[in-house]
Protein backbone atom coordinates (compact mmCIF):
# COMPACT_ATOMS: atom_id res chain seq x y z
CA GLN A 1 -95.07 21.47 33.06
CA VAL A 2 -93.04 18.61 33.10
CA ARG A 3 -93.37 15.43 35.29
CA PHE A 4 -91.51 12.57 35.83
CA LEU A 5 -92.85 9.55 37.34
CA ASP A 6 -90.92 6.55 38.30
CA SER A 7 -92.33 3.15 39.59
CA GLY A 8 -91.56 -0.70 40.02
CA GLY A 9 -89.45 -0.95 43.18
CA GLY A 10 -89.97 -3.22 45.98
CA SER A 11 -88.59 -5.75 48.28
CA VAL A 12 -87.03 -8.63 46.12
CA GLN A 13 -83.97 -11.22 47.95
CA ALA A 14 -80.76 -11.91 45.98
CA GLY A 15 -80.31 -12.88 42.68
CA ASP A 16 -84.23 -11.82 41.68
CA SER A 17 -85.28 -9.33 39.56
CA LEU A 18 -86.81 -6.05 38.76
CA ARG A 19 -88.05 -3.42 36.20
CA LEU A 20 -88.31 0.46 37.09
CA SER A 21 -89.92 2.30 34.63
CA CYS A 22 -90.14 5.92 34.20
CA ALA A 23 -92.97 8.07 32.38
CA ALA A 24 -93.01 11.17 31.30
CA SER A 25 -95.70 14.02 31.21
CA GLY A 26 -95.04 17.31 29.19
CA TRP A 27 -91.95 15.61 27.94
CA ASN A 28 -90.74 13.54 24.81
CA PHE A 29 -88.44 10.93 25.93
CA ARG A 30 -86.99 10.64 21.64
CA TYR A 31 -84.55 13.83 22.24
CA TYR A 32 -82.71 13.81 25.48
CA ALA A 33 -81.35 12.18 27.27
CA VAL A 34 -82.03 9.87 30.24
CA GLY A 35 -81.14 8.62 33.07
CA TRP A 36 -80.86 5.99 36.89
CA PHE A 37 -79.42 7.07 39.39
CA ARG A 38 -79.43 5.85 43.04
CA GLN A 39 -79.18 6.29 46.54
CA ALA A 40 -78.53 3.97 49.76
CA PRO A 41 -79.01 5.44 53.00
CA GLY A 42 -76.42 7.62 54.06
CA LYS A 43 -74.39 7.87 50.81
CA GLY A 44 -75.12 10.39 47.93
CA ARG A 45 -76.40 10.23 45.20
CA GLU A 46 -74.66 7.51 42.69
CA PHE A 47 -75.21 6.77 38.95
CA VAL A 48 -76.69 3.85 37.34
CA ALA A 49 -77.56 3.95 33.46
CA ALA A 50 -78.35 6.25 31.00
CA THR A 51 -79.75 6.57 27.85
CA GLY A 52 -79.69 8.35 25.28
CA TRP A 53 -78.70 9.29 21.07
CA SER A 54 -75.67 10.76 19.03
CA SER A 55 -75.02 11.62 15.20
CA SER A 56 -74.21 7.49 15.09
CA GLY A 57 -77.58 6.78 16.84
CA ASP A 58 -78.50 5.24 20.64
CA THR A 59 -76.58 4.98 22.85
CA THR A 60 -76.12 3.86 26.28
CA MET A 61 -73.94 4.27 29.64
CA TYR A 62 -73.91 2.25 32.58
CA ALA A 63 -72.13 2.47 35.81
CA ASP A 64 -68.92 -0.34 36.56
CA SER A 65 -71.45 -2.09 39.31
CA VAL A 66 -74.45 -2.76 37.30
CA LYS A 67 -72.63 -3.88 34.47
CA GLY A 68 -73.57 -7.15 32.79
CA ARG A 69 -77.01 -7.20 35.58
CA PHE A 70 -78.54 -3.96 34.31
CA THR A 71 -80.27 -2.96 30.80
CA ILE A 72 -81.78 0.54 29.89
CA SER A 73 -84.05 0.82 27.60
CA ARG A 74 -86.64 3.46 25.56
CA ASP A 75 -90.32 3.06 24.57
CA LEU A 76 -90.94 5.75 22.40
CA ALA A 77 -94.22 4.70 21.39
CA LYS A 78 -95.05 4.43 25.50
CA ASN A 79 -92.75 7.66 26.19
CA THR A 80 -91.13 5.43 29.04
CA VAL A 81 -87.25 4.17 29.96
CA GLU A 82 -87.55 0.65 31.71
CA LEU A 83 -83.88 0.20 34.01
CA GLN A 84 -84.10 -3.80 34.27
CA MET A 85 -82.38 -5.28 37.40
CA ASN A 86 -81.31 -8.62 36.68
CA SER A 87 -79.02 -10.64 39.61
CA LEU A 88 -79.46 -7.54 41.99
CA ALA A 89 -77.85 -8.12 45.35
CA PRO A 90 -77.93 -6.35 48.87
CA GLU A 91 -75.68 -3.92 47.89
CA ASP A 92 -77.74 -2.38 45.08
CA THR A 93 -80.52 -1.40 48.47
CA ALA A 94 -81.20 2.28 47.46
CA ALA A 95 -83.80 4.48 46.39
CA TYR A 96 -83.77 4.56 42.63
CA TYR A 97 -84.51 8.07 40.39
CA CYS A 98 -84.72 8.63 36.77
CA ALA A 99 -83.68 12.07 35.03
CA GLY A 100 -83.95 14.04 32.63
CA ARG A 101 -81.79 16.58 30.53
CA SER A 102 -83.72 18.92 28.74
CA THR A 103 -81.04 20.44 26.47
CA SER A 104 -79.44 17.42 25.09
CA GLY A 105 -79.39 13.74 24.00
CA GLU A 106 -76.00 12.98 24.90
CA VAL A 107 -75.77 10.60 27.98
CA SER A 108 -74.47 11.58 31.26
CA ASN A 109 -73.49 10.19 34.34
CA ILE A 110 -72.79 13.57 36.42
CA GLU A 111 -75.47 14.59 37.76
CA SER A 112 -76.01 17.92 37.43
CA LYS A 113 -76.49 17.91 33.84
CA TYR A 114 -79.71 16.57 34.35
CA THR A 115 -83.15 18.72 34.50
CA TYR A 116 -85.93 17.03 35.97
CA TRP A 117 -86.12 14.08 38.19
CA GLY A 118 -88.59 12.12 39.90
CA LEU A 119 -90.17 11.14 43.21
CA GLY A 120 -88.46 8.01 43.33
CA THR A 121 -88.59 4.38 43.77
CA GLN A 122 -87.17 2.08 46.68
CA VAL A 123 -85.62 -0.84 45.56
CA SER A 124 -84.96 -3.45 48.98
CA VAL A 125 -82.40 -6.58 48.31
CA SER A 126 -82.18 -9.34 51.28
CA SER A 127 -79.56 -11.89 51.63
C-alpha cells in the first residue's frame, strides 16, 4: 500500500523560511514525478512545484508565484522530496500537499495527473 506523509509546516513571520518534506512508503521517488500543491482557506488547490525526470535528465517546474523563492529537490537515498520555501509571505498561507504520479516521471502542474496524496501540512505566514 502506498502512503505519502508530508511534514514540516508551521507558523512563521513574513520573510522567514520553512522546509517541507514528503516521505513515501511502498513507492519510489526515483521513477515517478512528485509535486507540491497548496490550498488556502476558501480557495481551490493550486500547483506549487514539481520534480521528475526526462530523457534529458532531472526536471523541475514551478508556479510563477513561487519562482525564485521555493526550491524542490529529491533525496533518493532517503526516498524523500523536499520543498525549501524562502521569503515567505502571508499569501503563501495554505495547507501544502505532496503528490505522486503513478505512471510517469514527467512533471505536471495538473492536479488530476497525480495519483497519491499526502494528508497535508499547514503553513501559516503572518505579516
